[in-house]
Amino acid sequence: MVTESPRATAATADELTTHIDTLRADAERMDGYARRLLATAATLDGCPVTPEWGRPALERQAAACTSAAEQLRGAADALTAHAGVGNPPVTGARQGPAAHRVTGGRRVKR
């Protein structure tokens, strides 16, 4: 069975700004999750019935949340640079605005 992908359409500056804001809000949310996971791990340290795998598991999840937040910020920075809707903040996660382009739903390296 063959499925046709929808045609790509140009987004307005307002739509791009909304997507950028959403990416940044999601990054902040992921940072918050990481902080809560680390706080939970620290709280469980004093509990004698905490399984020994508990803290390392929470720390791994916190690290995954932090990594996701960095990737979301990098995506927001790249979209900001691509859209030309302002100066993206420097986060260290950017690969440069021309690192990839999107074509028909596929990422194509330039």
PDB file of N, CA and C in Angstrom:
ATOM      1  N   MET A   1       0.841  -1.169   0.000  1.00  0.00           N
ATOM      2  CA  MET A   1       0.000   0.000   0.000  1.00  0.00           C
ATOM      3  C   MET A   1       0.891   1.237   0.000  1.00  0.00           C
ATOM      4  N   VAL A   2       0.574   2.175  -0.837  1.00  0.00           N
ATOM      5  CA  VAL A   2       1.348   3.402  -0.967  1.00  0.00           C
ATOM      6  C   VAL A   2       0.593   4.536  -0.296  1.00  0.00           C
ATOM      7  N   THR A   3       1.301   5.305   0.487  1.00  0.00           N
ATOM      8  CA  THR A   3       0.694   6.464   1.150  1.00  0.00           C
ATOM      9  C   THR A   3       1.364   7.723   0.648  1.00  0.00           C
ATOM     10  N   GLU A   4       0.590   8.709   0.382  1.00  0.00           N
ATOM     11  CA  GLU A   4       1.139   9.971  -0.094  1.00  0.00           C
ATOM     12  C   GLU A   4       1.332  10.912   1.088  1.00  0.00           C
ATOM     13  N   SER A   5       2.521  11.496   1.162  1.00  0.00           N
ATOM     14  CA  SER A   5       2.808  12.473   2.206  1.00  0.00           C
ATOM     15  C   SER A   5       2.171  13.800   1.843  1.00  0.00           C
ATOM     16  N   PRO A   6       1.692  14.533   2.847  1.00  0.00           N
ATOM     17  CA  PRO A   6       1.133  15.856   2.537  1.00  0.00           C
ATOM     18  C   PRO A   6       2.228  16.783   2.027  1.00  0.00           C
ATOM     19  N   ARG A   7       1.854  17.680   1.149  1.00  0.00           N
ATOM     20  CA  ARG A   7       2.799  18.649   0.606  1.00  0.00           C
ATOM     21  C   ARG A   7       3.227  19.622   1.698  1.00  0.00           C
ATOM     22  N   ALA A   8       4.485  19.993   1.648  1.00  0.00           N
ATOM     23  CA  ALA A   8       4.998  20.984   2.591  1.00  0.00           C
ATOM     24  C   ALA A   8       4.440  22.350   2.225  1.00  0.00           C
ATOM     25  N   THR A   9       4.097  23.118   3.235  1.00  0.00           N
ATOM     26  CA  THR A   9       3.606  24.471   3.007  1.00  0.00           C
ATOM     27  C   THR A   9       4.444  25.437   3.818  1.00  0.00           C
ATOM     28  N   ALA A  10       4.488  26.656   3.380  1.00  0.00           N
ATOM     29  CA  ALA A  10       5.250  27.682   4.092  1.00  0.00           C
ATOM     30  C   ALA A  10       4.448  28.152   5.296  1.00  0.00           C
ATOM     31  N   ALA A  11       5.119  28.307   6.406  1.00  0.00           N
ATOM     32  CA  ALA A  11       4.480  28.802   7.625  1.00  0.00           C
ATOM     33  C   ALA A  11       4.697  30.308   7.722  1.00  0.00           C
ATOM     34  N   THR A  12       3.750  30.974   8.328  1.00  0.00           N
ATOM     35  CA  THR A  12       3.899  32.414   8.539  1.00  0.00           C
ATOM     36  C   THR A  12       4.881  32.654   9.680  1.00  0.00           C
ATOM     37  N   ALA A  13       5.364  33.872   9.788  1.00  0.00           N
ATOM     38  CA  ALA A  13       6.287  34.223  10.872  1.00  0.00           C
ATOM     39  C   ALA A  13       5.621  33.996  12.227  1.00  0.00           C
ATOM     40  N   ASP A  14       4.324  34.298  12.330  1.00  0.00           N
ATOM     41  CA  ASP A  14       3.612  34.079  13.592  1.00  0.00           C
ATOM     42  C   ASP A  14       3.546  32.596  13.949  1.00  0.00           C
ATOM     43  N   GLU A  15       3.302  31.755  12.934  1.00  0.00           N
ATOM     44  CA  GLU A  15       3.255  30.315  13.188  1.00  0.00           C
ATOM     45  C   GLU A  15       4.619  29.796  13.620  1.00  0.00           C
ATOM     46  N   LEU A  16       5.676  30.273  12.964  1.00  0.00           N
ATOM     47  CA  LEU A  16       7.026  29.852  13.344  1.00  0.00           C
ATOM     48  C   LEU A  16       7.357  30.305  14.754  1.00  0.00           C
ATOM     49  N   THR A  17       6.985  31.527  15.083  1.00  0.00           N
ATOM     50  CA  THR A  17       7.233  32.043  16.433  1.00  0.00           C
ATOM     51  C   THR A  17       6.500  31.198  17.463  1.00  0.00           C
ATOM     52  N   THR A  18       5.282  30.791  17.150  1.00  0.00           N
ATOM     53  CA  THR A  18       4.518  29.926  18.062  1.00  0.00           C
ATOM     54  C   THR A  18       5.235  28.590  18.254  1.00  0.00           C
ATOM     55  N   HIS A  19       5.731  27.998  17.161  1.00  0.00           N
ATOM     56  CA  HIS A  19       6.462  26.727  17.272  1.00  0.00           C
ATOM     57  C   HIS A  19       7.743  26.905  18.088  1.00  0.00           C
ATOM     58  N   ILE A  20       8.435  27.986  17.876  1.00  0.00           N
ATOM     59  CA  ILE A  20       9.667  28.257  18.615  1.00  0.00           C
ATOM     60  C   ILE A  20       9.364  28.404  20.101  1.00  0.00           C
ATOM     61  N   ASP A  21       8.327  29.164  20.418  1.00  0.00           N
ATOM     62  CA  ASP A  21       7.935  29.348  21.814  1.00  0.00           C
ATOM     63  C   ASP A  21       7.542  28.019  22.459  1.00  0.00           C
ATOM     64  N   THR A  22       6.855  27.172  21.701  1.00  0.00           N
ATOM     65  CA  THR A  22       6.457  25.860  22.222  1.00  0.00           C
ATOM     66  C   THR A  22       7.685  24.995  22.503  1.00  0.00           C
ATOM     67  N   LEU A  23       8.646  25.001  21.590  1.00  0.00           N
ATOM     68  CA  LEU A  23       9.880  24.236  21.812  1.00  0.00           C
ATOM     69  C   LEU A  23      10.606  24.711  23.060  1.00  0.00           C
ATOM     70  N   ARG A  24      10.697  26.017  23.241  1.00  0.00           N
ATOM     71  CA  ARG A  24      11.385  26.557  24.422  1.00  0.00           C
ATOM     72  C   ARG A  24      10.616  26.230  25.714  1.00  0.00           C
ATOM     73  N   ALA A  25       9.288  26.301  25.665  1.00  0.00           N
ATOM     74  CA  ALA A  25       8.477  25.957  26.845  1.00  0.00           C
ATOM     75  C   ALA A  25       8.642  24.475  27.181  1.00  0.00           C
ATOM     76  N   ASP A  26       8.673  23.624  26.165  1.00  0.00           N
ATOM     77  CA  ASP A  26       8.883  22.200  26.400  1.00  0.00           C
ATOM     78  C   ASP A  26      10.265  21.941  27.001  1.00  0.00           C
ATOM     79  N   ALA A  27      11.273  22.688  26.558  1.00  0.00           N
ATOM     80  CA  ALA A  27      12.623  22.547  27.123  1.00  0.00           C
ATOM     81  C   ALA A  27      12.619  22.913  28.602  1.00  0.00           C
ATOM     82  N   GLU A  28      11.945  23.994  28.945  1.00  0.00           N
ATOM     83  CA  GLU A  28      11.852  24.394  30.358  1.00  0.00           C
ATOM     84  C   GLU A  28      11.129  23.324  31.173  1.00  0.00           C
ATOM     85  N   ARG A  29      10.076  22.760  30.596  1.00  0.00           N
ATOM     86  CA  ARG A  29       9.319  21.707  31.274  1.00  0.00           C
ATOM     87  C   ARG A  29      10.224  20.503  31.537  1.00  0.00           C
ATOM     88  N   MET A  30      11.026  20.116  30.538  1.00  0.00           N
ATOM     89  CA  MET A  30      11.928  18.973  30.716  1.00  0.00           C
ATOM     90  C   MET A  30      12.988  19.260  31.775  1.00  0.00           C
ATOM     91  N   ASP A  31      13.496  20.496  31.821  1.00  0.00           N
ATOM     92  CA  ASP A  31      14.432  20.867  32.885  1.00  0.00           C
ATOM     93  C   ASP A  31      13.771  20.741  34.259  1.00  0.00           C
ATOM     94  N   GLY A  32      12.514  21.138  34.334  1.00  0.00           N
ATOM     95  CA  GLY A  32      11.767  21.011  35.592  1.00  0.00           C
ATOM     96  C   GLY A  32      11.609  19.557  36.003  1.00  0.00           C
ATOM     97  N   TYR A  33      11.313  18.696  35.050  1.00  0.00           N
ATOM     98  CA  TYR A  33      11.205  17.270  35.354  1.00  0.00           C
ATOM     99  C   TYR A  33      12.533  16.736  35.883  1.00  0.00           C
ATOM    100  N   ALA A  34      13.629  17.148  35.262  1.00  0.00           N
ATOM    101  CA  ALA A  34      14.951  16.692  35.707  1.00  0.00           C
ATOM    102  C   ALA A  34      15.202  17.127  37.152  1.00  0.00           C
ATOM    103  N   ARG A  35      14.874  18.382  37.470  1.00  0.00           N
ATOM    104  CA  ARG A  35      15.063  18.862  38.845  1.00  0.00           C
ATOM    105  C   ARG A  35      14.224  18.054  39.829  1.00  0.00           C
ATOM    106  N   ARG A  36      12.980  17.767  39.461  1.00  0.00           N
ATOM    107  CA  ARG A  36      12.105  17.005  40.361  1.00  0.00           C
ATOM    108  C   ARG A  36      12.605  15.580  40.549  1.00  0.00           C
ATOM    109  N   LEU A  37      13.092  14.965  39.478  1.00  0.00           N
ATOM    110  CA  LEU A  37      13.633  13.612  39.603  1.00  0.00           C
ATOM    111  C   LEU A  37      14.851  13.580  40.522  1.00  0.00           C
ATOM    112  N   LEU A  38      15.736  14.579  40.384  1.00  0.00           N
ATOM    113  CA  LEU A  38      16.921  14.622  41.252  1.00  0.00           C
ATOM    114  C   LEU A  38      16.535  14.897  42.701  1.00  0.00           C
ATOM    115  N   ALA A  39      15.524  15.732  42.900  1.00  0.00           N
ATOM    116  CA  ALA A  39      15.053  16.003  44.262  1.00  0.00           C
ATOM    117  C   ALA A  39      14.446  14.743  44.871  1.00  0.00           C
ATOM    118  N   THR A  40      13.721  13.987  44.082  1.00  0.00           N
ATOM    119  CA  THR A  40      13.152  12.731  44.567  1.00  0.00           C
ATOM    120  C   THR A  40      14.255  11.752  44.925  1.00  0.00           C
ATOM    121  N   ALA A  41      15.283  11.672  44.081  1.00  0.00           N
ATOM    122  CA  ALA A  41      16.408  10.778  44.360  1.00  0.00           C
ATOM    123  C   ALA A  41      17.093  11.169  45.663  1.00  0.00           C
ATOM    124  N   ALA A  42      17.268  12.471  45.881  1.00  0.00           N
ATOM    125  CA  ALA A  42      17.907  12.931  47.116  1.00  0.00           C
ATOM    126  C   ALA A  42      17.030  12.618  48.325  1.00  0.00           C
ATOM    127  N   THR A  43      15.733  12.755  48.186  1.00  0.00           N
ATOM    128  CA  THR A  43      14.817  12.452  49.287  1.00  0.00           C
ATOM    129  C   THR A  43      14.857  10.974  49.636  1.00  0.00           C
ATOM    130  N   LEU A  44      14.941  10.120  48.622  1.00  0.00           N
ATOM    131  CA  LEU A  44      14.958   8.677  48.853  1.00  0.00           C
ATOM    132  C   LEU A  44      16.265   8.195  49.465  1.00  0.00           C
ATOM    133  N   ASP A  45      17.322   9.012  49.382  1.00  0.00           N
ATOM    134  CA  ASP A  45      18.613   8.625  49.972  1.00  0.00           C
ATOM    135  C   ASP A  45      18.480   8.303  51.455  1.00  0.00           C
ATOM    136  N   GLY A  46      17.644   9.042  52.146  1.00  0.00           N
ATOM    137  CA  GLY A  46      17.518   8.837  53.584  1.00  0.00           C
ATOM    138  C   GLY A  46      16.541   7.749  53.975  1.00  0.00           C
ATOM    139  N   CYS A  47      15.902   7.143  53.000  1.00  0.00           N
ATOM    140  CA  CYS A  47      14.894   6.120  53.278  1.00  0.00           C
ATOM    141  C   CYS A  47      15.542   4.736  53.259  1.00  0.00           C
ATOM    142  N   PRO A  48      15.478   4.003  54.378  1.00  0.00           N
ATOM    143  CA  PRO A  48      16.170   2.709  54.447  1.00  0.00           C
ATOM    144  C   PRO A  48      15.550   1.620  53.560  1.00  0.00           C
ATOM    145  N   VAL A  49      14.314   1.780  53.122  1.00  0.00           N
ATOM    146  CA  VAL A  49      13.688   0.730  52.321  1.00  0.00           C
ATOM    147  C   VAL A  49      13.758   1.016  50.817  1.00  0.00           C
ATOM    148  N   THR A  50      14.470   2.047  50.441  1.00  0.00           N
ATOM    149  CA  THR A  50      14.620   2.378  49.026  1.00  0.00           C
ATOM    150  C   THR A  50      15.494   1.327  48.348  1.00  0.00           C
ATOM    151  N   PRO A  51      15.041   0.772  47.235  1.00  0.00           N
ATOM    152  CA  PRO A  51      15.889  -0.215  46.542  1.00  0.00           C
ATOM    153  C   PRO A  51      17.165   0.453  46.030  1.00  0.00           C
ATOM    154  N   GLU A  52      18.233  -0.311  45.961  1.00  0.00           N
ATOM    155  CA  GLU A  52      19.520   0.274  45.573  1.00  0.00           C
ATOM    156  C   GLU A  52      19.527   0.760  44.130  1.00  0.00           C
ATOM    157  N   TRP A  53      18.642   0.249  43.303  1.00  0.00           N
ATOM    158  CA  TRP A  53      18.571   0.688  41.915  1.00  0.00           C
ATOM    159  C   TRP A  53      17.761   1.982  41.762  1.00  0.00           C
ATOM    160  N   GLY A  54      17.083   2.413  42.814  1.00  0.00           N
ATOM    161  CA  GLY A  54      16.194   3.565  42.734  1.00  0.00           C
ATOM    162  C   GLY A  54      16.888   4.860  42.351  1.00  0.00           C
ATOM    163  N   ARG A  55      17.912   5.231  43.098  1.00  0.00           N
ATOM    164  CA  ARG A  55      18.594   6.497  42.821  1.00  0.00           C
ATOM    165  C   ARG A  55      19.252   6.506  41.435  1.00  0.00           C
ATOM    166  N   PRO A  56      20.013   5.459  41.061  1.00  0.00           N
ATOM    167  CA  PRO A  56      20.609   5.481  39.718  1.00  0.00           C
ATOM    168  C   PRO A  56      19.556   5.570  38.602  1.00  0.00           C
ATOM    169  N   ALA A  57      18.418   4.912  38.786  1.00  0.00           N
ATOM    170  CA  ALA A  57      17.367   4.976  37.768  1.00  0.00           C
ATOM    171  C   ALA A  57      16.820   6.396  37.651  1.00  0.00           C
ATOM    172  N   LEU A  58      16.582   7.041  38.789  1.00  0.00           N
ATOM    173  CA  LEU A  58      16.091   8.418  38.764  1.00  0.00           C
ATOM    174  C   LEU A  58      17.121   9.369  38.158  1.00  0.00           C
ATOM    175  N   GLU A  59      18.396   9.145  38.461  1.00  0.00           N
ATOM    176  CA  GLU A  59      19.450   9.990  37.898  1.00  0.00           C
ATOM    177  C   GLU A  59      19.554   9.807  36.376  1.00  0.00           C
ATOM    178  N   ARG A  60      19.370   8.569  35.898  1.00  0.00           N
ATOM    179  CA  ARG A  60      19.389   8.336  34.443  1.00  0.00           C
ATOM    180  C   ARG A  60      18.207   9.045  33.774  1.00  0.00           C
ATOM    181  N   GLN A  61      17.059   8.972  34.412  1.00  0.00           N
ATOM    182  CA  GLN A  61      15.886   9.653  33.849  1.00  0.00           C
ATOM    183  C   GLN A  61      16.085  11.166  33.841  1.00  0.00           C
ATOM    184  N   ALA A  62      16.691  11.696  34.905  1.00  0.00           N
ATOM    185  CA  ALA A  62      16.964  13.140  34.961  1.00  0.00           C
ATOM    186  C   ALA A  62      17.933  13.543  33.854  1.00  0.00           C
ATOM    187  N   ALA A  63      18.949  12.722  33.625  1.00  0.00           N
ATOM    188  CA  ALA A  63      19.910  13.016  32.555  1.00  0.00           C
ATOM    189  C   ALA A  63      19.222  12.981  31.191  1.00  0.00           C
ATOM    190  N   ALA A  64      18.292  12.046  30.997  1.00  0.00           N
ATOM    191  CA  ALA A  64      17.555  11.983  29.733  1.00  0.00           C
ATOM    192  C   ALA A  64      16.694  13.234  29.551  1.00  0.00           C
ATOM    193  N   CYS A  65      16.090  13.710  30.633  1.00  0.00           N
ATOM    194  CA  CYS A  65      15.284  14.932  30.557  1.00  0.00           C
ATOM    195  C   CYS A  65      16.153  16.136  30.214  1.00  0.00           C
ATOM    196  N   THR A  66      17.325  16.218  30.816  1.00  0.00           N
ATOM    197  CA  THR A  66      18.247  17.319  30.539  1.00  0.00           C
ATOM    198  C   THR A  66      18.703  17.279  29.082  1.00  0.00           C
ATOM    199  N   SER A  67      18.999  16.090  28.594  1.00  0.00           N
ATOM    200  CA  SER A  67      19.407  15.939  27.196  1.00  0.00           C
ATOM    201  C   SER A  67      18.274  16.350  26.251  1.00  0.00           C
ATOM    202  N   ALA A  68      17.058  15.942  26.569  1.00  0.00           N
ATOM    203  CA  ALA A  68      15.909  16.319  25.745  1.00  0.00           C
ATOM    204  C   ALA A  68      15.723  17.830  25.742  1.00  0.00           C
ATOM    205  N   ALA A  69      15.908  18.461  26.897  1.00  0.00           N
ATOM    206  CA  ALA A  69      15.777  19.921  26.986  1.00  0.00           C
ATOM    207  C   ALA A  69      16.808  20.608  26.098  1.00  0.00           C
ATOM    208  N   GLU A  70      18.038  20.113  26.108  1.00  0.00           N
ATOM    209  CA  GLU A  70      19.085  20.692  25.256  1.00  0.00           C
ATOM    210  C   GLU A  70      18.731  20.530  23.776  1.00  0.00           C
ATOM    211  N   GLN A  71      18.202  19.365  23.416  1.00  0.00           N
ATOM    212  CA  GLN A  71      17.825  19.131  22.021  1.00  0.00           C
ATOM    213  C   GLN A  71      16.661  20.031  21.606  1.00  0.00           C
ATOM    214  N   LEU A  72      15.707  20.223  22.496  1.00  0.00           N
ATOM    215  CA  LEU A  72      14.579  21.111  22.191  1.00  0.00           C
ATOM    216  C   LEU A  72      15.060  22.545  22.001  1.00  0.00           C
ATOM    217  N   ARG A  73      15.977  22.995  22.869  1.00  0.00           N
ATOM    218  CA  ARG A  73      16.528  24.350  22.709  1.00  0.00           C
ATOM    219  C   ARG A  73      17.308  24.472  21.401  1.00  0.00           C
ATOM    220  N   GLY A  74      18.060  23.437  21.073  1.00  0.00           N
ATOM    221  CA  GLY A  74      18.799  23.442  19.809  1.00  0.00           C
ATOM    222  C   GLY A  74      17.858  23.526  18.614  1.00  0.00           C
ATOM    223  N   ALA A  75      16.747  22.797  18.672  1.00  0.00           N
ATOM    224  CA  ALA A  75      15.760  22.853  17.595  1.00  0.00           C
ATOM    225  C   ALA A  75      15.135  24.240  17.514  1.00  0.00           C
ATOM    226  N   ALA A  76      14.841  24.833  18.664  1.00  0.00           N
ATOM    227  CA  ALA A  76      14.276  26.188  18.674  1.00  0.00           C
ATOM    228  C   ALA A  76      15.274  27.188  18.100  1.00  0.00           C
ATOM    229  N   ASP A  77      16.538  27.046  18.454  1.00  0.00           N
ATOM    230  CA  ASP A  77      17.573  27.945  17.926  1.00  0.00           C
ATOM    231  C   ASP A  77      17.701  27.801  16.414  1.00  0.00           C
ATOM    232  N   ALA A  78      17.698  26.546  15.932  1.00  0.00           N
ATOM    233  CA  ALA A  78      17.825  26.309  14.494  1.00  0.00           C
ATOM    234  C   ALA A  78      16.617  26.863  13.743  1.00  0.00           C
ATOM    235  N   LEU A  79      15.427  26.684  14.301  1.00  0.00           N
ATOM    236  CA  LEU A  79      14.227  27.209  13.653  1.00  0.00           C
ATOM    237  C   LEU A  79      14.221  28.725  13.670  1.00  0.00           C
ATOM    238  N   THR A  80      14.701  29.318  14.762  1.00  0.00           N
ATOM    239  CA  THR A  80      14.806  30.772  14.847  1.00  0.00           C
ATOM    240  C   THR A  80      15.749  31.295  13.771  1.00  0.00           C
ATOM    241  N   ALA A  81      16.912  30.661  13.639  1.00  0.00           N
ATOM    242  CA  ALA A  81      17.879  31.094  12.633  1.00  0.00           C
ATOM    243  C   ALA A  81      17.320  30.899  11.223  1.00  0.00           C
ATOM    244  N   HIS A  82      16.658  29.788  11.001  1.00  0.00           N
ATOM    245  CA  HIS A  82      16.085  29.497   9.684  1.00  0.00           C
ATOM    246  C   HIS A  82      14.971  30.483   9.340  1.00  0.00           C
ATOM    247  N   ALA A  83      14.147  30.789  10.318  1.00  0.00           N
ATOM    248  CA  ALA A  83      12.998  31.660  10.084  1.00  0.00           C
ATOM    249  C   ALA A  83      13.382  33.123  10.017  1.00  0.00           C
ATOM    250  N   GLY A  84      14.541  33.464  10.588  1.00  0.00           N
ATOM    251  CA  GLY A  84      14.963  34.856  10.615  1.00  0.00           C
ATOM    252  C   GLY A  84      14.040  35.727  11.450  1.00  0.00           C
ATOM    253  N   VAL A  85      13.489  35.154  12.520  1.00  0.00           N
ATOM    254  CA  VAL A  85      12.539  35.896  13.350  1.00  0.00           C
ATOM    255  C   VAL A  85      13.191  36.466  14.612  1.00  0.00           C
ATOM    256  N   GLY A  86      14.482  36.569  14.625  1.00  0.00           N
ATOM    257  CA  GLY A  86      15.162  37.124  15.789  1.00  0.00           C
ATOM    258  C   GLY A  86      16.501  36.457  15.976  1.00  0.00           C
ATOM    259  N   ASN A  87      17.197  36.875  16.988  1.00  0.00           N
ATOM    260  CA  ASN A  87      18.490  36.285  17.290  1.00  0.00           C
ATOM    261  C   ASN A  87      18.309  35.161  18.286  1.00  0.00           C
ATOM    262  N   PRO A  88      18.696  33.931  17.925  1.00  0.00           N
ATOM    263  CA  PRO A  88      18.557  32.830  18.868  1.00  0.00           C
ATOM    264  C   PRO A  88      19.568  32.975  19.996  1.00  0.00           C
ATOM    265  N   PRO A  89      19.167  32.599  21.222  1.00  0.00           N
ATOM    266  CA  PRO A  89      20.126  32.620  22.312  1.00  0.00           C
ATOM    267  C   PRO A  89      21.174  31.535  22.109  1.00  0.00           C
ATOM    268  N   VAL A  90      22.362  31.764  22.587  1.00  0.00           N
ATOM    269  CA  VAL A  90      23.436  30.789  22.454  1.00  0.00           C
ATOM    270  C   VAL A  90      23.267  29.748  23.545  1.00  0.00           C
ATOM    271  N   THR A  91      23.081  28.483  23.140  1.00  0.00           N
ATOM    272  CA  THR A  91      22.881  27.416  24.118  1.00  0.00           C
ATOM    273  C   THR A  91      23.984  26.376  24.058  1.00  0.00           C
ATOM    274  N   GLY A  92      24.801  26.420  23.025  1.00  0.00           N
ATOM    275  CA  GLY A  92      25.848  25.425  22.878  1.00  0.00           C
ATOM    276  C   GLY A  92      25.344  24.160  22.196  1.00  0.00           C
ATOM    277  N   ALA A  93      24.034  24.041  21.990  1.00  0.00           N
ATOM    278  CA  ALA A  93      23.484  22.843  21.380  1.00  0.00           C
ATOM    279  C   ALA A  93      23.264  23.014  19.884  1.00  0.00           C
ATOM    280  N   ARG A  94      23.462  24.214  19.361  1.00  0.00           N
ATOM    281  CA  ARG A  94      23.205  24.455  17.945  1.00  0.00           C
ATOM    282  C   ARG A  94      24.234  23.790  17.071  1.00  0.00           C
ATOM    283  N   GLN A  95      23.780  23.323  15.923  1.00  0.00           N
ATOM    284  CA  GLN A  95      24.679  22.748  14.936  1.00  0.00           C
ATOM    285  C   GLN A  95      24.839  23.689  13.759  1.00  0.00           C
ATOM    286  N   GLY A  96      24.289  24.846  13.834  1.00  0.00           N
ATOM    287  CA  GLY A  96      24.330  25.779  12.715  1.00  0.00           C
ATOM    288  C   GLY A  96      23.037  25.712  11.935  1.00  0.00           C
ATOM    289  N   PRO A  97      22.604  26.840  11.381  1.00  0.00           N
ATOM    290  CA  PRO A  97      21.314  26.885  10.723  1.00  0.00           C
ATOM    291  C   PRO A  97      21.237  26.069   9.442  1.00  0.00           C
ATOM    292  N   ALA A  98      22.370  25.779   8.805  1.00  0.00           N
ATOM    293  CA  ALA A  98      22.335  25.053   7.543  1.00  0.00           C
ATOM    294  C   ALA A  98      22.725  23.584   7.706  1.00  0.00           C
ATOM    295  N   ALA A  99      22.678  23.072   8.923  1.00  0.00           N
ATOM    296  CA  ALA A  99      23.106  21.692   9.146  1.00  0.00           C
ATOM    297  C   ALA A  99      22.191  20.689   8.448  1.00  0.00           C
ATOM    298  N   HIS A 100      20.902  20.961   8.432  1.00  0.00           N
ATOM    299  CA  HIS A 100      19.941  20.072   7.787  1.00  0.00           C
ATOM    300  C   HIS A 100      18.853  20.903   7.141  1.00  0.00           C
ATOM    301  N   ARG A 101      18.225  20.312   6.164  1.00  0.00           N
ATOM    302  CA  ARG A 101      17.025  20.924   5.632  1.00  0.00           C
ATOM    303  C   ARG A 101      15.953  19.850   5.605  1.00  0.00           C
ATOM    304  N   VAL A 102      14.708  20.237   5.674  1.00  0.00           N
ATOM    305  CA  VAL A 102      13.618  19.277   5.679  1.00  0.00           C
ATOM    306  C   VAL A 102      12.992  19.256   4.292  1.00  0.00           C
ATOM    307  N   THR A 103      12.840  18.075   3.728  1.00  0.00           N
ATOM    308  CA  THR A 103      12.264  17.919   2.409  1.00  0.00           C
ATOM    309  C   THR A 103      11.226  16.816   2.454  1.00  0.00           C
ATOM    310  N   GLY A 104       9.987  17.172   2.283  1.00  0.00           N
ATOM    311  CA  GLY A 104       8.936  16.168   2.235  1.00  0.00           C
ATOM    312  C   GLY A 104       8.893  15.268   3.443  1.00  0.00           C
ATOM    313  N   GLY A 105       9.197  15.786   4.625  1.00  0.00           N
ATOM    314  CA  GLY A 105       9.151  14.996   5.841  1.00  0.00           C
ATOM    315  C   GLY A 105      10.436  14.241   6.130  1.00  0.00           C
ATOM    316  N   ARG A 106      11.427  14.295   5.233  1.00  0.00           N
ATOM    317  CA  ARG A 106      12.704  13.612   5.460  1.00  0.00           C
ATOM    318  C   ARG A 106      13.761  14.640   5.787  1.00  0.00           C
ATOM    319  N   ARG A 107      14.654  14.288   6.694  1.00  0.00           N
ATOM    320  CA  ARG A 107      15.785  15.153   6.991  1.00  0.00           C
ATOM    321  C   ARG A 107      16.895  14.811   6.007  1.00  0.00           C
ATOM    322  N   VAL A 108      17.386  15.816   5.315  1.00  0.00           N
ATOM    323  CA  VAL A 108      18.438  15.618   4.315  1.00  0.00           C
ATOM    324  C   VAL A 108      19.629  16.452   4.722  1.00  0.00           C
ATOM    325  N   LYS A 109      20.769  15.795   4.912  1.00  0.00           N
ATOM    326  CA  LYS A 109      21.977  16.514   5.289  1.00  0.00           C
ATOM    327  C   LYS A 109      22.497  17.281   4.088  1.00  0.00           C
ATOM    328  N   ARG A 110      22.879  18.543   4.293  1.00  0.00           N
ATOM    329  CA  ARG A 110      23.437  19.347   3.208  1.00  0.00           C
ATOM    330  C   ARG A 110      24.908  19.120   3.066  1.00  0.00           C
TER     331      ARG A 110
END
